[in-house]
Amino acid sequence: MIILALLGMVLANGQEVVDRIVADVDGQLVLMSDVAREAVLAEVDRSGTPFWDPTWRTPEDRLIDAAIVRTIASDVRLYEPSRQDVRRRLEAVRAQFPDRRSWRAFLDRISADEARLEVILRRRLVVDRYLGRNLLVDPGNADAFKDAATLHLDRLRTIARVRRVPPVPSSTP
């Protein structure tokens, strides 16, 4: 599957890679574009748990751990946010921008439209809900929350299949 995904990301001339897989978490791919998007989004989506704090761990590590959480939480409706929850989160992010022009510039910067951003925010909300229910630590105490999340995620990593994909060496001199 990874080979097909990599082949699908190479343009017709076979020279330019459009995106690259950085990790496969039980079949959930984490792409380099996702990592870049997370680095930007973490700066403006401050309505979630401290898990998404841009100063806590790298964007790549956060996304890999988020994929692990979503795998564990998979079909449990308890963790699934309502459409209204997703819209509220979207509105909270949109409120960070003073006008439509700056909002559009942000969407362009993360290479997403509002529908794609809603999907991303829904996935973030699943992680927030899972951690909120399973850590039993007040997210308002960011340090305690991060400590509890670290311990919990250490346990989850032992049962998840995570394969990091190293960058392909450049063939250009």
N, C-alpha and C. Protein backbone atom coordinates (compact mmCIF):
# COMPACT_ATOMS: atom_id res chain seq x y z
N MET A 1 0.82 -1.19 0.00
CA MET A 1 0.00 0.00 0.00
C MET A 1 0.87 1.26 0.00
N ILE A 2 1.94 1.24 0.78
CA ILE A 2 2.81 2.41 0.84
C ILE A 2 3.47 2.65 -0.50
N ILE A 3 3.88 1.58 -1.15
CA ILE A 3 4.51 1.72 -2.47
C ILE A 3 3.54 2.37 -3.44
N LEU A 4 2.28 1.91 -3.44
CA LEU A 4 1.29 2.50 -4.32
C LEU A 4 1.06 3.97 -3.99
N ALA A 5 1.04 4.30 -2.71
CA ALA A 5 0.85 5.69 -2.32
C ALA A 5 2.02 6.54 -2.79
N LEU A 6 3.23 6.03 -2.65
CA LEU A 6 4.40 6.77 -3.11
C LEU A 6 4.37 6.94 -4.62
N LEU A 7 4.01 5.87 -5.34
CA LEU A 7 3.92 5.96 -6.80
C LEU A 7 2.86 6.97 -7.22
N GLY A 8 1.78 7.01 -6.49
CA GLY A 8 0.71 7.95 -6.81
C GLY A 8 1.09 9.38 -6.56
N MET A 9 2.14 9.61 -5.77
CA MET A 9 2.55 10.97 -5.46
C MET A 9 3.64 11.48 -6.40
N VAL A 10 4.07 10.67 -7.32
CA VAL A 10 5.10 11.07 -8.27
C VAL A 10 4.40 11.56 -9.54
N LEU A 11 4.81 12.71 -10.02
CA LEU A 11 4.21 13.26 -11.22
C LEU A 11 4.56 12.41 -12.43
N ALA A 12 3.88 12.66 -13.53
CA ALA A 12 4.02 11.84 -14.74
C ALA A 12 5.47 11.76 -15.22
N ASN A 13 6.24 12.81 -15.06
CA ASN A 13 7.62 12.75 -15.52
C ASN A 13 8.52 11.94 -14.58
N GLY A 14 7.97 11.52 -13.43
CA GLY A 14 8.70 10.66 -12.52
C GLY A 14 9.79 11.37 -11.72
N GLN A 15 9.82 12.68 -11.73
CA GLN A 15 10.90 13.39 -11.08
C GLN A 15 10.51 14.11 -9.78
N GLU A 16 9.33 14.63 -9.70
CA GLU A 16 8.98 15.47 -8.57
C GLU A 16 8.02 14.74 -7.63
N VAL A 17 8.39 14.66 -6.36
CA VAL A 17 7.51 14.08 -5.35
C VAL A 17 6.63 15.19 -4.80
N VAL A 18 5.32 14.98 -4.85
CA VAL A 18 4.38 15.99 -4.41
C VAL A 18 4.22 15.97 -2.90
N ASP A 19 4.24 14.80 -2.31
CA ASP A 19 4.09 14.63 -0.87
C ASP A 19 4.86 13.38 -0.50
N ARG A 20 5.09 13.19 0.77
CA ARG A 20 5.74 11.96 1.17
C ARG A 20 5.12 11.45 2.45
N ILE A 21 5.14 10.15 2.60
CA ILE A 21 4.62 9.50 3.80
C ILE A 21 5.71 9.56 4.85
N VAL A 22 5.37 10.06 6.04
CA VAL A 22 6.35 10.07 7.13
C VAL A 22 6.10 8.93 8.11
N ALA A 23 4.84 8.44 8.16
CA ALA A 23 4.54 7.32 9.06
C ALA A 23 3.26 6.63 8.61
N ASP A 24 3.19 5.36 8.96
CA ASP A 24 1.98 4.55 8.77
C ASP A 24 1.60 4.02 10.15
N VAL A 25 0.44 4.44 10.63
CA VAL A 25 -0.05 4.03 11.94
C VAL A 25 -1.27 3.15 11.72
N ASP A 26 -1.06 1.85 11.78
CA ASP A 26 -2.15 0.90 11.57
C ASP A 26 -2.98 1.26 10.34
N GLY A 27 -2.31 1.62 9.26
CA GLY A 27 -3.00 1.94 8.01
C GLY A 27 -3.38 3.41 7.85
N GLN A 28 -3.25 4.21 8.89
CA GLN A 28 -3.48 5.65 8.78
C GLN A 28 -2.15 6.30 8.40
N LEU A 29 -2.13 6.93 7.25
CA LEU A 29 -0.90 7.56 6.79
C LEU A 29 -0.77 8.97 7.34
N VAL A 30 0.43 9.30 7.77
CA VAL A 30 0.77 10.67 8.16
C VAL A 30 1.70 11.17 7.07
N LEU A 31 1.26 12.21 6.38
CA LEU A 31 2.02 12.77 5.26
C LEU A 31 2.80 14.00 5.68
N MET A 32 3.83 14.31 4.92
CA MET A 32 4.61 15.51 5.20
C MET A 32 3.73 16.76 5.14
N SER A 33 2.77 16.78 4.22
CA SER A 33 1.86 17.93 4.15
C SER A 33 1.00 18.04 5.42
N ASP A 34 0.64 16.90 6.02
CA ASP A 34 -0.09 16.92 7.29
C ASP A 34 0.76 17.54 8.39
N VAL A 35 2.04 17.18 8.41
CA VAL A 35 2.96 17.70 9.42
C VAL A 35 3.10 19.21 9.27
N ALA A 36 3.27 19.68 8.03
CA ALA A 36 3.39 21.12 7.79
C ALA A 36 2.10 21.84 8.19
N ARG A 37 0.96 21.25 7.87
CA ARG A 37 -0.33 21.82 8.23
C ARG A 37 -0.50 21.89 9.75
N GLU A 38 -0.09 20.84 10.43
CA GLU A 38 -0.19 20.80 11.89
C GLU A 38 0.64 21.90 12.54
N ALA A 39 1.82 22.15 12.01
CA ALA A 39 2.67 23.20 12.56
C ALA A 39 1.97 24.56 12.51
N VAL A 40 1.23 24.82 11.46
CA VAL A 40 0.51 26.08 11.31
C VAL A 40 -0.78 26.06 12.14
N LEU A 41 -1.54 24.99 12.03
CA LEU A 41 -2.84 24.90 12.70
C LEU A 41 -2.70 24.96 14.22
N ALA A 42 -1.66 24.35 14.76
CA ALA A 42 -1.47 24.35 16.22
C ALA A 42 -1.32 25.76 16.77
N GLU A 43 -0.89 26.69 15.95
CA GLU A 43 -0.73 28.08 16.39
C GLU A 43 -2.07 28.80 16.51
N VAL A 44 -3.09 28.35 15.77
CA VAL A 44 -4.37 29.08 15.79
C VAL A 44 -5.52 28.29 16.41
N ASP A 45 -5.42 26.97 16.47
CA ASP A 45 -6.49 26.15 17.07
C ASP A 45 -6.15 25.92 18.53
N ARG A 46 -6.49 26.88 19.36
CA ARG A 46 -6.15 26.83 20.78
C ARG A 46 -7.33 26.38 21.65
N SER A 47 -8.40 25.91 21.03
CA SER A 47 -9.58 25.52 21.80
C SER A 47 -9.58 24.06 22.21
N GLY A 48 -8.54 23.33 21.84
CA GLY A 48 -8.47 21.91 22.19
C GLY A 48 -7.73 21.69 23.50
N THR A 49 -7.36 20.45 23.73
CA THR A 49 -6.60 20.10 24.92
C THR A 49 -5.13 20.49 24.75
N PRO A 50 -4.36 20.46 25.83
CA PRO A 50 -2.93 20.77 25.73
C PRO A 50 -2.15 19.80 24.82
N PHE A 51 -2.78 18.70 24.43
CA PHE A 51 -2.13 17.77 23.50
C PHE A 51 -1.68 18.52 22.24
N TRP A 52 -2.45 19.50 21.80
CA TRP A 52 -2.17 20.20 20.54
C TRP A 52 -1.26 21.42 20.72
N ASP A 53 -0.77 21.64 21.93
CA ASP A 53 0.12 22.77 22.21
C ASP A 53 1.33 22.70 21.27
N PRO A 54 1.56 23.76 20.49
CA PRO A 54 2.66 23.72 19.51
C PRO A 54 4.05 23.63 20.15
N THR A 55 4.15 23.92 21.44
CA THR A 55 5.45 23.83 22.11
C THR A 55 5.68 22.45 22.73
N TRP A 56 4.66 21.59 22.66
CA TRP A 56 4.77 20.25 23.25
C TRP A 56 4.99 19.25 22.14
N ARG A 57 6.18 18.75 22.03
CA ARG A 57 6.53 17.73 21.05
C ARG A 57 6.49 18.30 19.63
N THR A 58 6.95 17.52 18.69
CA THR A 58 6.98 17.99 17.30
C THR A 58 5.62 17.76 16.65
N PRO A 59 5.31 18.50 15.59
CA PRO A 59 4.06 18.25 14.86
C PRO A 59 3.97 16.80 14.37
N GLU A 60 5.07 16.25 13.92
CA GLU A 60 5.07 14.86 13.45
C GLU A 60 4.70 13.90 14.58
N ASP A 61 5.32 14.08 15.73
CA ASP A 61 5.03 13.20 16.87
C ASP A 61 3.58 13.35 17.34
N ARG A 62 3.08 14.59 17.36
CA ARG A 62 1.68 14.79 17.74
C ARG A 62 0.74 14.07 16.78
N LEU A 63 1.02 14.17 15.48
CA LEU A 63 0.14 13.52 14.50
C LEU A 63 0.21 12.00 14.57
N ILE A 64 1.38 11.47 14.83
CA ILE A 64 1.51 10.01 14.98
C ILE A 64 0.74 9.55 16.21
N ASP A 65 0.91 10.25 17.31
CA ASP A 65 0.16 9.89 18.53
C ASP A 65 -1.34 10.09 18.34
N ALA A 66 -1.73 11.12 17.61
CA ALA A 66 -3.16 11.34 17.34
C ALA A 66 -3.72 10.18 16.52
N ALA A 67 -2.95 9.70 15.56
CA ALA A 67 -3.40 8.55 14.76
C ALA A 67 -3.53 7.30 15.63
N ILE A 68 -2.61 7.13 16.57
CA ILE A 68 -2.71 6.00 17.51
C ILE A 68 -4.00 6.12 18.32
N VAL A 69 -4.27 7.30 18.85
CA VAL A 69 -5.49 7.52 19.64
C VAL A 69 -6.72 7.23 18.79
N ARG A 70 -6.75 7.75 17.56
CA ARG A 70 -7.93 7.52 16.70
C ARG A 70 -8.10 6.05 16.38
N THR A 71 -7.00 5.31 16.26
CA THR A 71 -7.09 3.87 16.03
C THR A 71 -7.73 3.18 17.23
N ILE A 72 -7.30 3.54 18.41
CA ILE A 72 -7.86 2.95 19.64
C ILE A 72 -9.32 3.36 19.80
N ALA A 73 -9.63 4.62 19.52
CA ALA A 73 -10.98 5.15 19.70
C ALA A 73 -11.92 4.79 18.56
N SER A 74 -11.38 4.27 17.48
CA SER A 74 -12.02 4.05 16.18
C SER A 74 -13.53 4.18 16.13
N ASP A 75 -14.27 3.18 16.50
CA ASP A 75 -15.72 3.19 16.28
C ASP A 75 -16.53 3.45 17.54
N VAL A 76 -15.90 4.00 18.56
CA VAL A 76 -16.61 4.28 19.80
C VAL A 76 -17.32 5.63 19.64
N ARG A 77 -18.63 5.59 19.58
CA ARG A 77 -19.42 6.82 19.35
C ARG A 77 -19.21 7.87 20.43
N LEU A 78 -18.83 7.43 21.60
CA LEU A 78 -18.60 8.34 22.71
C LEU A 78 -17.56 9.41 22.35
N TYR A 79 -16.61 9.05 21.53
CA TYR A 79 -15.53 9.97 21.17
C TYR A 79 -15.85 10.79 19.92
N GLU A 80 -16.91 10.45 19.23
CA GLU A 80 -17.25 11.12 17.98
C GLU A 80 -17.94 12.46 18.27
N PRO A 81 -17.38 13.57 17.79
CA PRO A 81 -18.01 14.88 18.04
C PRO A 81 -19.25 15.08 17.16
N SER A 82 -20.14 15.88 17.64
CA SER A 82 -21.33 16.22 16.85
C SER A 82 -20.93 17.23 15.77
N ARG A 83 -21.79 17.37 14.80
CA ARG A 83 -21.56 18.36 13.73
C ARG A 83 -21.45 19.77 14.34
N GLN A 84 -22.29 20.03 15.37
CA GLN A 84 -22.24 21.34 16.03
C GLN A 84 -20.91 21.57 16.74
N ASP A 85 -20.35 20.52 17.35
CA ASP A 85 -19.04 20.65 17.99
C ASP A 85 -17.97 21.01 16.98
N VAL A 86 -18.03 20.36 15.83
CA VAL A 86 -17.05 20.64 14.78
C VAL A 86 -17.22 22.07 14.28
N ARG A 87 -18.46 22.50 14.06
CA ARG A 87 -18.72 23.88 13.59
C ARG A 87 -18.23 24.90 14.62
N ARG A 88 -18.45 24.63 15.91
CA ARG A 88 -17.97 25.54 16.95
C ARG A 88 -16.45 25.65 16.92
N ARG A 89 -15.79 24.53 16.74
CA ARG A 89 -14.33 24.54 16.68
C ARG A 89 -13.86 25.30 15.45
N LEU A 90 -14.54 25.10 14.32
CA LEU A 90 -14.21 25.83 13.11
C LEU A 90 -14.39 27.34 13.32
N GLU A 91 -15.48 27.71 13.94
CA GLU A 91 -15.74 29.13 14.21
C GLU A 91 -14.71 29.72 15.16
N ALA A 92 -14.24 28.93 16.14
CA ALA A 92 -13.20 29.40 17.05
C ALA A 92 -11.90 29.66 16.30
N VAL A 93 -11.58 28.81 15.35
CA VAL A 93 -10.38 29.02 14.53
C VAL A 93 -10.58 30.23 13.64
N ARG A 94 -11.74 30.31 12.98
CA ARG A 94 -12.02 31.44 12.08
C ARG A 94 -11.96 32.76 12.83
N ALA A 95 -12.37 32.78 14.09
CA ALA A 95 -12.39 34.00 14.90
C ALA A 95 -10.98 34.56 15.12
N GLN A 96 -9.96 33.77 14.87
CA GLN A 96 -8.58 34.24 15.02
C GLN A 96 -8.18 35.21 13.91
N PHE A 97 -9.01 35.33 12.88
CA PHE A 97 -8.67 36.13 11.71
C PHE A 97 -9.63 37.31 11.59
N PRO A 98 -9.09 38.50 11.39
CA PRO A 98 -9.93 39.70 11.42
C PRO A 98 -10.86 39.88 10.22
N ASP A 99 -10.54 39.26 9.10
CA ASP A 99 -11.38 39.46 7.91
C ASP A 99 -11.31 38.23 7.00
N ARG A 100 -12.17 38.25 6.00
CA ARG A 100 -12.26 37.12 5.07
C ARG A 100 -10.95 36.90 4.30
N ARG A 101 -10.29 37.98 3.97
CA ARG A 101 -9.04 37.88 3.22
C ARG A 101 -7.97 37.13 4.02
N SER A 102 -7.81 37.45 5.29
CA SER A 102 -6.80 36.77 6.11
C SER A 102 -7.22 35.32 6.37
N TRP A 103 -8.52 35.06 6.47
CA TRP A 103 -9.02 33.70 6.62
C TRP A 103 -8.68 32.87 5.38
N ARG A 104 -8.92 33.44 4.19
CA ARG A 104 -8.59 32.74 2.94
C ARG A 104 -7.08 32.50 2.84
N ALA A 105 -6.29 33.46 3.26
CA ALA A 105 -4.83 33.30 3.22
C ALA A 105 -4.40 32.16 4.15
N PHE A 106 -5.04 32.06 5.31
CA PHE A 106 -4.75 30.95 6.22
C PHE A 106 -5.10 29.62 5.58
N LEU A 107 -6.29 29.52 4.99
CA LEU A 107 -6.70 28.27 4.34
C LEU A 107 -5.74 27.91 3.22
N ASP A 108 -5.30 28.90 2.47
CA ASP A 108 -4.32 28.64 1.41
C ASP A 108 -3.00 28.14 2.01
N ARG A 109 -2.60 28.74 3.12
CA ARG A 109 -1.34 28.36 3.76
C ARG A 109 -1.36 26.91 4.24
N ILE A 110 -2.52 26.43 4.68
CA ILE A 110 -2.60 25.04 5.13
C ILE A 110 -3.11 24.11 4.02
N SER A 111 -3.24 24.65 2.83
CA SER A 111 -3.69 23.88 1.66
C SER A 111 -4.99 23.13 1.94
N ALA A 112 -5.99 23.89 2.41
CA ALA A 112 -7.28 23.28 2.73
C ALA A 112 -8.40 24.28 2.46
N ASP A 113 -9.57 23.73 2.17
CA ASP A 113 -10.76 24.57 2.15
C ASP A 113 -11.48 24.31 3.47
N GLU A 114 -12.64 24.97 3.68
CA GLU A 114 -13.34 24.80 4.95
C GLU A 114 -13.80 23.37 5.17
N ALA A 115 -14.21 22.69 4.12
CA ALA A 115 -14.67 21.30 4.27
C ALA A 115 -13.51 20.41 4.74
N ARG A 116 -12.33 20.59 4.15
CA ARG A 116 -11.16 19.81 4.57
C ARG A 116 -10.76 20.16 5.99
N LEU A 117 -10.83 21.45 6.34
CA LEU A 117 -10.49 21.87 7.70
C LEU A 117 -11.47 21.26 8.71
N GLU A 118 -12.74 21.16 8.35
CA GLU A 118 -13.71 20.51 9.25
C GLU A 118 -13.33 19.06 9.51
N VAL A 119 -12.88 18.36 8.49
CA VAL A 119 -12.44 16.96 8.66
C VAL A 119 -11.25 16.91 9.63
N ILE A 120 -10.30 17.80 9.45
CA ILE A 120 -9.12 17.85 10.32
C ILE A 120 -9.55 18.16 11.75
N LEU A 121 -10.43 19.14 11.93
CA LEU A 121 -10.88 19.51 13.27
C LEU A 121 -11.68 18.38 13.92
N ARG A 122 -12.47 17.66 13.14
CA ARG A 122 -13.21 16.51 13.67
C ARG A 122 -12.22 15.48 14.22
N ARG A 123 -11.17 15.23 13.48
CA ARG A 123 -10.16 14.26 13.93
C ARG A 123 -9.47 14.74 15.20
N ARG A 124 -9.21 16.04 15.29
CA ARG A 124 -8.60 16.60 16.50
C ARG A 124 -9.56 16.46 17.68
N LEU A 125 -10.84 16.68 17.44
CA LEU A 125 -11.83 16.56 18.50
C LEU A 125 -11.93 15.12 19.03
N VAL A 126 -11.81 14.14 18.15
CA VAL A 126 -11.82 12.74 18.60
C VAL A 126 -10.68 12.52 19.59
N VAL A 127 -9.50 13.03 19.26
CA VAL A 127 -8.35 12.89 20.15
C VAL A 127 -8.62 13.60 21.48
N ASP A 128 -9.14 14.82 21.41
CA ASP A 128 -9.44 15.57 22.64
C ASP A 128 -10.43 14.81 23.52
N ARG A 129 -11.48 14.27 22.91
CA ARG A 129 -12.50 13.55 23.67
C ARG A 129 -11.94 12.27 24.28
N TYR A 130 -11.15 11.55 23.50
CA TYR A 130 -10.56 10.32 24.02
C TYR A 130 -9.66 10.63 25.22
N LEU A 131 -8.76 11.59 25.06
CA LEU A 131 -7.84 11.92 26.15
C LEU A 131 -8.58 12.48 27.35
N GLY A 132 -9.58 13.31 27.09
CA GLY A 132 -10.37 13.88 28.18
C GLY A 132 -11.07 12.81 29.01
N ARG A 133 -11.55 11.76 28.36
CA ARG A 133 -12.25 10.67 29.07
C ARG A 133 -11.29 9.69 29.73
N ASN A 134 -10.10 9.53 29.18
CA ASN A 134 -9.21 8.48 29.66
C ASN A 134 -8.07 8.96 30.56
N LEU A 135 -7.75 10.22 30.52
CA LEU A 135 -6.66 10.70 31.37
C LEU A 135 -7.13 11.11 32.76
N LEU A 136 -8.35 11.54 32.86
CA LEU A 136 -8.92 11.96 34.15
C LEU A 136 -8.08 13.05 34.81
N VAL A 137 -7.55 13.94 33.98
CA VAL A 137 -6.78 15.09 34.45
C VAL A 137 -7.40 16.32 33.81
N ASP A 138 -7.54 17.37 34.59
CA ASP A 138 -8.13 18.61 34.08
C ASP A 138 -7.22 19.20 33.00
N PRO A 139 -7.75 19.37 31.76
CA PRO A 139 -6.93 19.99 30.70
C PRO A 139 -6.50 21.41 31.04
N GLY A 140 -7.17 22.03 32.02
CA GLY A 140 -6.76 23.36 32.45
C GLY A 140 -5.41 23.37 33.13
N ASN A 141 -5.00 22.22 33.65
CA ASN A 141 -3.66 22.07 34.23
C ASN A 141 -2.79 21.43 33.15
N ALA A 142 -2.26 22.28 32.27
CA ALA A 142 -1.56 21.80 31.08
C ALA A 142 -0.40 20.87 31.39
N ASP A 143 0.40 21.19 32.39
CA ASP A 143 1.56 20.36 32.70
C ASP A 143 1.14 18.97 33.16
N ALA A 144 0.16 18.91 34.05
CA ALA A 144 -0.33 17.61 34.54
C ALA A 144 -0.97 16.83 33.40
N PHE A 145 -1.70 17.53 32.53
CA PHE A 145 -2.33 16.87 31.39
C PHE A 145 -1.28 16.27 30.47
N LYS A 146 -0.24 17.04 30.16
CA LYS A 146 0.82 16.55 29.27
C LYS A 146 1.56 15.38 29.89
N ASP A 147 1.80 15.44 31.21
CA ASP A 147 2.47 14.32 31.89
C ASP A 147 1.61 13.06 31.80
N ALA A 148 0.31 13.20 32.08
CA ALA A 148 -0.60 12.05 32.01
C ALA A 148 -0.71 11.53 30.58
N ALA A 149 -0.75 12.45 29.61
CA ALA A 149 -0.83 12.05 28.20
C ALA A 149 0.43 11.29 27.79
N THR A 150 1.57 11.75 28.24
CA THR A 150 2.83 11.07 27.92
C THR A 150 2.81 9.63 28.42
N LEU A 151 2.42 9.42 29.67
CA LEU A 151 2.35 8.07 30.23
C LEU A 151 1.35 7.20 29.48
N HIS A 152 0.18 7.76 29.21
CA HIS A 152 -0.88 7.01 28.52
C HIS A 152 -0.44 6.65 27.09
N LEU A 153 0.13 7.61 26.40
CA LEU A 153 0.57 7.36 25.02
C LEU A 153 1.73 6.38 24.97
N ASP A 154 2.59 6.39 25.97
CA ASP A 154 3.67 5.39 26.03
C ASP A 154 3.07 3.98 26.04
N ARG A 155 1.98 3.79 26.79
CA ARG A 155 1.32 2.48 26.83
C ARG A 155 0.66 2.16 25.49
N LEU A 156 -0.01 3.14 24.90
CA LEU A 156 -0.68 2.90 23.61
C LEU A 156 0.31 2.56 22.51
N ARG A 157 1.48 3.19 22.54
CA ARG A 157 2.48 2.93 21.50
C ARG A 157 2.94 1.47 21.50
N THR A 158 2.81 0.79 22.64
CA THR A 158 3.23 -0.61 22.69
C THR A 158 2.25 -1.53 21.98
N ILE A 159 1.02 -1.08 21.75
CA ILE A 159 0.03 -1.94 21.09
C ILE A 159 -0.29 -1.49 19.66
N ALA A 160 0.18 -0.31 19.29
CA ALA A 160 -0.09 0.19 17.93
C ALA A 160 1.05 -0.20 17.00
N ARG A 161 0.69 -0.40 15.76
CA ARG A 161 1.71 -0.66 14.74
C ARG A 161 2.07 0.67 14.08
N VAL A 162 3.25 1.16 14.39
CA VAL A 162 3.72 2.43 13.83
C VAL A 162 4.99 2.15 13.04
N ARG A 163 4.96 2.59 11.82
CA ARG A 163 6.15 2.47 10.97
C ARG A 163 6.49 3.84 10.44
N ARG A 164 7.61 4.38 10.91
CA ARG A 164 8.10 5.66 10.38
C ARG A 164 8.81 5.39 9.07
N VAL A 165 8.57 6.24 8.11
CA VAL A 165 9.16 6.08 6.78
C VAL A 165 10.25 7.14 6.64
N PRO A 166 11.50 6.68 6.53
CA PRO A 166 12.60 7.67 6.41
C PRO A 166 12.51 8.39 5.06
N PRO A 167 13.03 9.61 5.02
CA PRO A 167 13.04 10.34 3.74
C PRO A 167 13.87 9.59 2.70
N VAL A 168 13.45 9.70 1.47
CA VAL A 168 14.21 9.11 0.38
C VAL A 168 15.37 10.05 0.07
N PRO A 169 16.58 9.50 0.02
CA PRO A 169 17.73 10.37 -0.28
C PRO A 169 17.57 11.02 -1.65
N SER A 170 17.95 12.27 -1.73
CA SER A 170 17.86 13.00 -2.99
C SER A 170 18.90 12.45 -3.96
N SER A 171 18.49 12.31 -5.21
CA SER A 171 19.43 11.81 -6.23
C SER A 171 20.09 12.94 -7.00
N THR A 172 19.78 14.18 -6.64
CA THR A 172 20.40 15.31 -7.34
C THR A 172 21.72 15.66 -6.66
N PRO A 173 22.72 16.01 -7.44
CA PRO A 173 24.05 16.33 -6.86
C PRO A 173 24.05 17.62 -6.12
